C-alpha atoms as a PDB file:
ATOM      1  CA  UNK A   1       0.000   0.000   0.000  1.00  0.00           C
ATOM      2  CA  UNK A   2       1.128   3.532  -0.709  1.00  0.00           C
ATOM      3  CA  UNK A   3       2.609   5.282   2.300  1.00  0.00           C
ATOM      4  CA  UNK A   4       5.636   7.426   2.914  1.00  0.00           C
ATOM      5  CA  UNK A   5       7.837   4.503   3.931  1.00  0.00           C
ATOM      6  CA  UNK A   6       6.389   1.500   2.065  1.00  0.00           C
ATOM      7  CA  UNK A   7       9.058   1.336  -0.658  1.00  0.00           C
ATOM      8  CA  UNK A   8      11.925   1.505   1.814  1.00  0.00           C
ATOM      9  CA  UNK A   9      10.349  -1.145   4.037  1.00  0.00           C
ATOM     10  CA  UNK A  10       9.706  -3.384   1.014  1.00  0.00           C
ATOM     11  CA  UNK A  11      13.333  -2.993  -0.132  1.00  0.00           C
ATOM     12  CA  UNK A  12      14.642  -4.112   3.261  1.00  0.00           C
ATOM     13  CA  UNK A  13      12.173  -6.993   3.313  1.00  0.00           C
ATOM     14  CA  UNK A  14      13.269  -8.121  -0.170  1.00  0.00           C
ATOM     15  CA  UNK A  15      16.923  -7.970   0.885  1.00  0.00           C
ATOM     16  CA  UNK A  16      16.203 -10.115   3.942  1.00  0.00           C
ATOM     17  CA  UNK A  17      14.181 -12.546   1.835  1.00  0.00           C
ATOM     18  CA  UNK A  18      16.989 -12.793  -0.733  1.00  0.00           C
ATOM     19  CA  UNK A  19      19.459 -13.744   1.969  1.00  0.00           C
ATOM     20  CA  UNK A  20      17.084 -16.188   3.682  1.00  0.00           C
ATOM     21  CA  UNK A  21      15.971 -18.040   0.542  1.00  0.00           C
ATOM     22  CA  UNK A  22      19.027 -17.851  -1.724  1.00  0.00           C
ATOM     23  CA  UNK A  23      21.860 -17.169   0.683  1.00  0.00           C
ATOM     24  CA  UNK A  24      22.827 -14.062  -1.307  1.00  0.00           C
ATOM     25  CA  UNK A  25      23.699 -10.681   0.152  1.00  0.00           C
ATOM     26  CA  UNK A  26      24.548  -7.815  -2.212  1.00  0.00           C
ATOM     27  CA  UNK A  27      27.477  -5.618  -1.296  1.00  0.00           C
ATOM     28  CA  UNK A  28      25.916  -2.438  -2.722  1.00  0.00           C
ATOM     29  CA  UNK A  29      22.410  -1.155  -3.338  1.00  0.00           C
ATOM     30  CA  UNK A  30      21.630   1.607  -5.819  1.00  0.00           C
ATOM     31  CA  UNK A  31      18.399   3.567  -5.452  1.00  0.00           C
ATOM     32  CA  UNK A  32      16.863   6.898  -6.389  1.00  0.00           C
ATOM     33  CA  UNK A  33      16.515   9.954  -4.181  1.00  0.00           C
ATOM     34  CA  UNK A  34      13.206   8.721  -2.783  1.00  0.00           C
ATOM     35  CA  UNK A  35      15.260   6.376  -0.620  1.00  0.00           C
ATOM     36  CA  UNK A  36      17.248   9.233   0.929  1.00  0.00           C
ATOM     37  CA  UNK A  37      16.384   8.589   4.563  1.00  0.00           C
ATOM     38  CA  UNK A  38      18.826   8.336   7.434  1.00  0.00           C
ATOM     39  CA  UNK A  39      17.115   5.333   8.998  1.00  0.00           C
ATOM     40  CA  UNK A  40      17.057   3.438   5.688  1.00  0.00           C
ATOM     41  CA  UNK A  41      20.760   4.134   5.171  1.00  0.00           C
ATOM     42  CA  UNK A  42      21.483   2.924   8.710  1.00  0.00           C
ATOM     43  CA  UNK A  43      19.482  -0.267   8.116  1.00  0.00           C
ATOM     44  CA  UNK A  44      21.502  -0.995   4.980  1.00  0.00           C
ATOM     45  CA  UNK A  45      24.786  -0.328   6.752  1.00  0.00           C
ATOM     46  CA  UNK A  46      23.704  -2.666   9.578  1.00  0.00           C
ATOM     47  CA  UNK A  47      23.233  -5.391   6.940  1.00  0.00           C
ATOM     48  CA  UNK A  48      26.769  -4.635   5.630  1.00  0.00           C
ATOM     49  CA  UNK A  49      25.333  -3.286   2.358  1.00  0.00           C
ATOM     50  CA  UNK A  50      26.846  -0.088   0.990  1.00  0.00           C
ATOM     51  CA  UNK A  51      24.019   2.259  -0.095  1.00  0.00           C
ATOM     52  CA  UNK A  52      24.393   4.235  -3.324  1.00  0.00           C
ATOM     53  CA  UNK A  53      21.583   6.749  -2.965  1.00  0.00           C
ATOM     54  CA  UNK A  54      21.607  10.305  -4.330  1.00  0.00           C
ATOM     55  CA  UNK A  55      20.803  12.850  -1.638  1.00  0.00           C
ATOM     56  CA  UNK A  56      17.707  15.000  -2.115  1.00  0.00           C
ATOM     57  CA  UNK A  57      19.354  17.860  -0.209  1.00  0.00           C
ATOM     58  CA  UNK A  58      22.577  18.486   1.672  1.00  0.00           C
ATOM     59  CA  UNK A  59      22.842  16.750   5.058  1.00  0.00           C
ATOM     60  CA  UNK A  60      22.628  19.130   7.984  1.00  0.00           C
ATOM     61  CA  UNK A  61      25.227  19.515  10.706  1.00  0.00           C
ATOM     62  CA  UNK A  62      24.732  16.827  13.392  1.00  0.00           C
ATOM     63  CA  UNK A  63      26.081  19.152  16.095  1.00  0.00           C
ATOM     64  CA  UNK A  64      23.124  21.502  15.675  1.00  0.00           C
ATOM     65  CA  UNK A  65      20.457  18.792  16.114  1.00  0.00           C
ATOM     66  CA  UNK A  66      18.582  18.804  19.420  1.00  0.00           C
ATOM     67  CA  UNK A  67      17.014  15.362  19.111  1.00  0.00           C
ATOM     68  CA  UNK A  68      19.639  12.675  19.659  1.00  0.00           C
ATOM     69  CA  UNK A  69      17.533  10.131  17.736  1.00  0.00           C
ATOM     70  CA  UNK A  70      17.925  12.148  14.540  1.00  0.00           C
ATOM     71  CA  UNK A  71      21.675  12.586  14.908  1.00  0.00           C
ATOM     72  CA  UNK A  72      22.554   9.033  13.817  1.00  0.00           C
ATOM     73  CA  UNK A  73      20.407   9.406  10.690  1.00  0.00           C
ATOM     74  CA  UNK A  74      22.116  12.661   9.803  1.00  0.00           C
ATOM     75  CA  UNK A  75      25.522  11.053  10.278  1.00  0.00           C
ATOM     76  CA  UNK A  76      24.459   8.207   7.940  1.00  0.00           C
ATOM     77  CA  UNK A  77      23.483  10.786   5.317  1.00  0.00           C
ATOM     78  CA  UNK A  78      26.881  12.483   5.739  1.00  0.00           C
ATOM     79  CA  UNK A  79      28.606   9.132   5.137  1.00  0.00           C
ATOM     80  CA  UNK A  80      26.480   8.765   2.004  1.00  0.00           C
ATOM     81  CA  UNK A  81      27.671  12.195   0.866  1.00  0.00           C
ATOM     82  CA  UNK A  82      31.282  10.989   1.211  1.00  0.00           C
ATOM     83  CA  UNK A  83      30.493   7.783  -0.742  1.00  0.00           C
ATOM     84  CA  UNK A  84      29.243   9.825  -3.688  1.00  0.00           C
ATOM     85  CA  UNK A  85      32.831  10.760  -4.539  1.00  0.00           C
ATOM     86  CA  UNK A  86      33.844   7.128  -5.167  1.00  0.00           C
ATOM     87  CA  UNK A  87      34.056   5.182  -8.413  1.00  0.00           C
ATOM     88  CA  UNK A  88      31.636   2.522  -7.127  1.00  0.00           C
ATOM     89  CA  UNK A  89      28.901   5.120  -6.734  1.00  0.00           C
ATOM     90  CA  UNK A  90      29.409   6.386 -10.292  1.00  0.00           C
ATOM     91  CA  UNK A  91      29.211   2.855 -11.706  1.00  0.00           C
ATOM     92  CA  UNK A  92      26.103   2.150  -9.652  1.00  0.00           C
ATOM     93  CA  UNK A  93      24.353   5.258 -10.947  1.00  0.00           C
ATOM     94  CA  UNK A  94      25.157   4.330 -14.574  1.00  0.00           C
ATOM     95  CA  UNK A  95      23.635   0.876 -14.018  1.00  0.00           C
ATOM     96  CA  UNK A  96      20.598   2.491 -12.378  1.00  0.00           C
ATOM     97  CA  UNK A  97      20.054   4.634 -15.470  1.00  0.00           C
ATOM     98  CA  UNK A  98      19.817   1.508 -17.637  1.00  0.00           C
ATOM     99  CA  UNK A  99      17.119   0.098 -15.366  1.00  0.00           C
ATOM    100  CA  UNK A 100      15.224   3.389 -15.253  1.00  0.00           C
ATOM    101  CA  UNK A 101      15.050   3.421 -19.068  1.00  0.00           C
ATOM    102  CA  UNK A 102      12.841   0.323 -18.913  1.00  0.00           C
ATOM    103  CA  UNK A 103      10.511   1.947 -16.401  1.00  0.00           C
ATOM    104  CA  UNK A 104      10.369   5.089 -18.544  1.00  0.00           C
ATOM    105  CA  UNK A 105       9.425   2.984 -21.583  1.00  0.00           C
ATOM    106  CA  UNK A 106       6.707   1.220 -19.585  1.00  0.00           C
ATOM    107  CA  UNK A 107       5.296   4.528 -18.384  1.00  0.00           C
ATOM    108  CA  UNK A 108       5.343   6.364 -21.699  1.00  0.00           C
ATOM    109  CA  UNK A 109       4.967   3.768 -24.468  1.00  0.00           C
ATOM    110  CA  UNK A 110       3.179   0.933 -22.662  1.00  0.00           C
ATOM    111  CA  UNK A 111       0.753   3.350 -20.986  1.00  0.00           C
ATOM    112  CA  UNK A 112       1.539   2.559 -17.360  1.00  0.00           C
ATOM    113  CA  UNK A 113       2.189   6.194 -16.467  1.00  0.00           C
ATOM    114  CA  UNK A 114      -1.530   6.679 -16.078  1.00  0.00           C
ATOM    115  CA  UNK A 115      -3.384   3.424 -15.833  1.00  0.00           C
ATOM    116  CA  UNK A 116      -6.734   3.045 -17.539  1.00  0.00           C
ATOM    117  CA  UNK A 117      -7.640  -0.080 -15.603  1.00  0.00           C
ATOM    118  CA  UNK A 118      -8.905  -0.545 -12.072  1.00  0.00           C
ATOM    119  CA  UNK A 119      -7.829  -3.353  -9.818  1.00  0.00           C
ATOM    120  CA  UNK A 120      -4.557  -4.969  -8.915  1.00  0.00           C
ATOM    121  CA  UNK A 121      -5.113  -8.044 -11.091  1.00  0.00           C
ATOM    122  CA  UNK A 122      -5.769  -5.990 -14.225  1.00  0.00           C
ATOM    123  CA  UNK A 123      -2.887  -3.639 -13.481  1.00  0.00           C
ATOM    124  CA  UNK A 124      -0.527  -6.576 -12.970  1.00  0.00           C
ATOM    125  CA  UNK A 125      -1.700  -8.073 -16.252  1.00  0.00           C
ATOM    126  CA  UNK A 126      -1.060  -4.771 -18.037  1.00  0.00           C
ATOM    127  CA  UNK A 127       2.416  -4.594 -16.489  1.00  0.00           C
ATOM    128  CA  UNK A 128       3.288  -8.136 -17.608  1.00  0.00           C
ATOM    129  CA  UNK A 129       2.145  -7.484 -21.179  1.00  0.00           C
ATOM    130  CA  UNK A 130       4.088  -4.198 -21.255  1.00  0.00           C
ATOM    131  CA  UNK A 131       7.238  -5.845 -19.858  1.00  0.00           C
ATOM    132  CA  UNK A 132       6.984  -8.643 -22.438  1.00  0.00           C
ATOM    133  CA  UNK A 133       6.655  -6.069 -25.224  1.00  0.00           C
ATOM    134  CA  UNK A 134       9.682  -4.172 -23.879  1.00  0.00           C
ATOM    135  CA  UNK A 135      11.705  -7.401 -23.881  1.00  0.00           C
ATOM    136  CA  UNK A 136      10.775  -7.954 -27.531  1.00  0.00           C
ATOM    137  CA  UNK A 137      11.831  -4.416 -28.398  1.00  0.00           C
ATOM    138  CA  UNK A 138      15.171  -4.947 -26.646  1.00  0.00           C
ATOM    139  CA  UNK A 139      15.701  -8.331 -28.307  1.00  0.00           C
ATOM    140  CA  UNK A 140      15.327  -6.677 -31.707  1.00  0.00           C
ATOM    141  CA  UNK A 141      18.571  -4.755 -31.163  1.00  0.00           C
ATOM    142  CA  UNK A 142      20.605  -7.749 -29.912  1.00  0.00           C
ATOM    143  CA  UNK A 143      23.136  -9.321 -32.234  1.00  0.00           C
ATOM    144  CA  UNK A 144      23.315 -13.098 -32.661  1.00  0.00           C
ATOM    145  CA  UNK A 145      26.152 -14.859 -30.853  1.00  0.00           C
END
């Protein structure tokens, strides 16, 4: 369900599920600026996953924060700011752009930007048909081995 924290909670849940079912733990996680939250960054660091998240705005100074609970989140955002200077972050953001192109195609060409159907089942069906069409479009440009 749509809420302010649902995507971040689902991402952490998927990471935990990936480790529990497959025994895999990624070393980095690239995301968009919607995931710029101190608590989310701390949760990733606790799982020994290096977040690659662009910051929506500059992190504030932790010394000027009155609430001690917020200070650790601000410090996590400052660590993220330092990570943005590394080569790993730049590679991660290039890979993220490739993934976002597919979502952009689904929204604009496949019509998922503004759905004309009601209901989760119909929306899922529309998404699957759009994703299959996008795969066919991508396959057209592939060269034979």
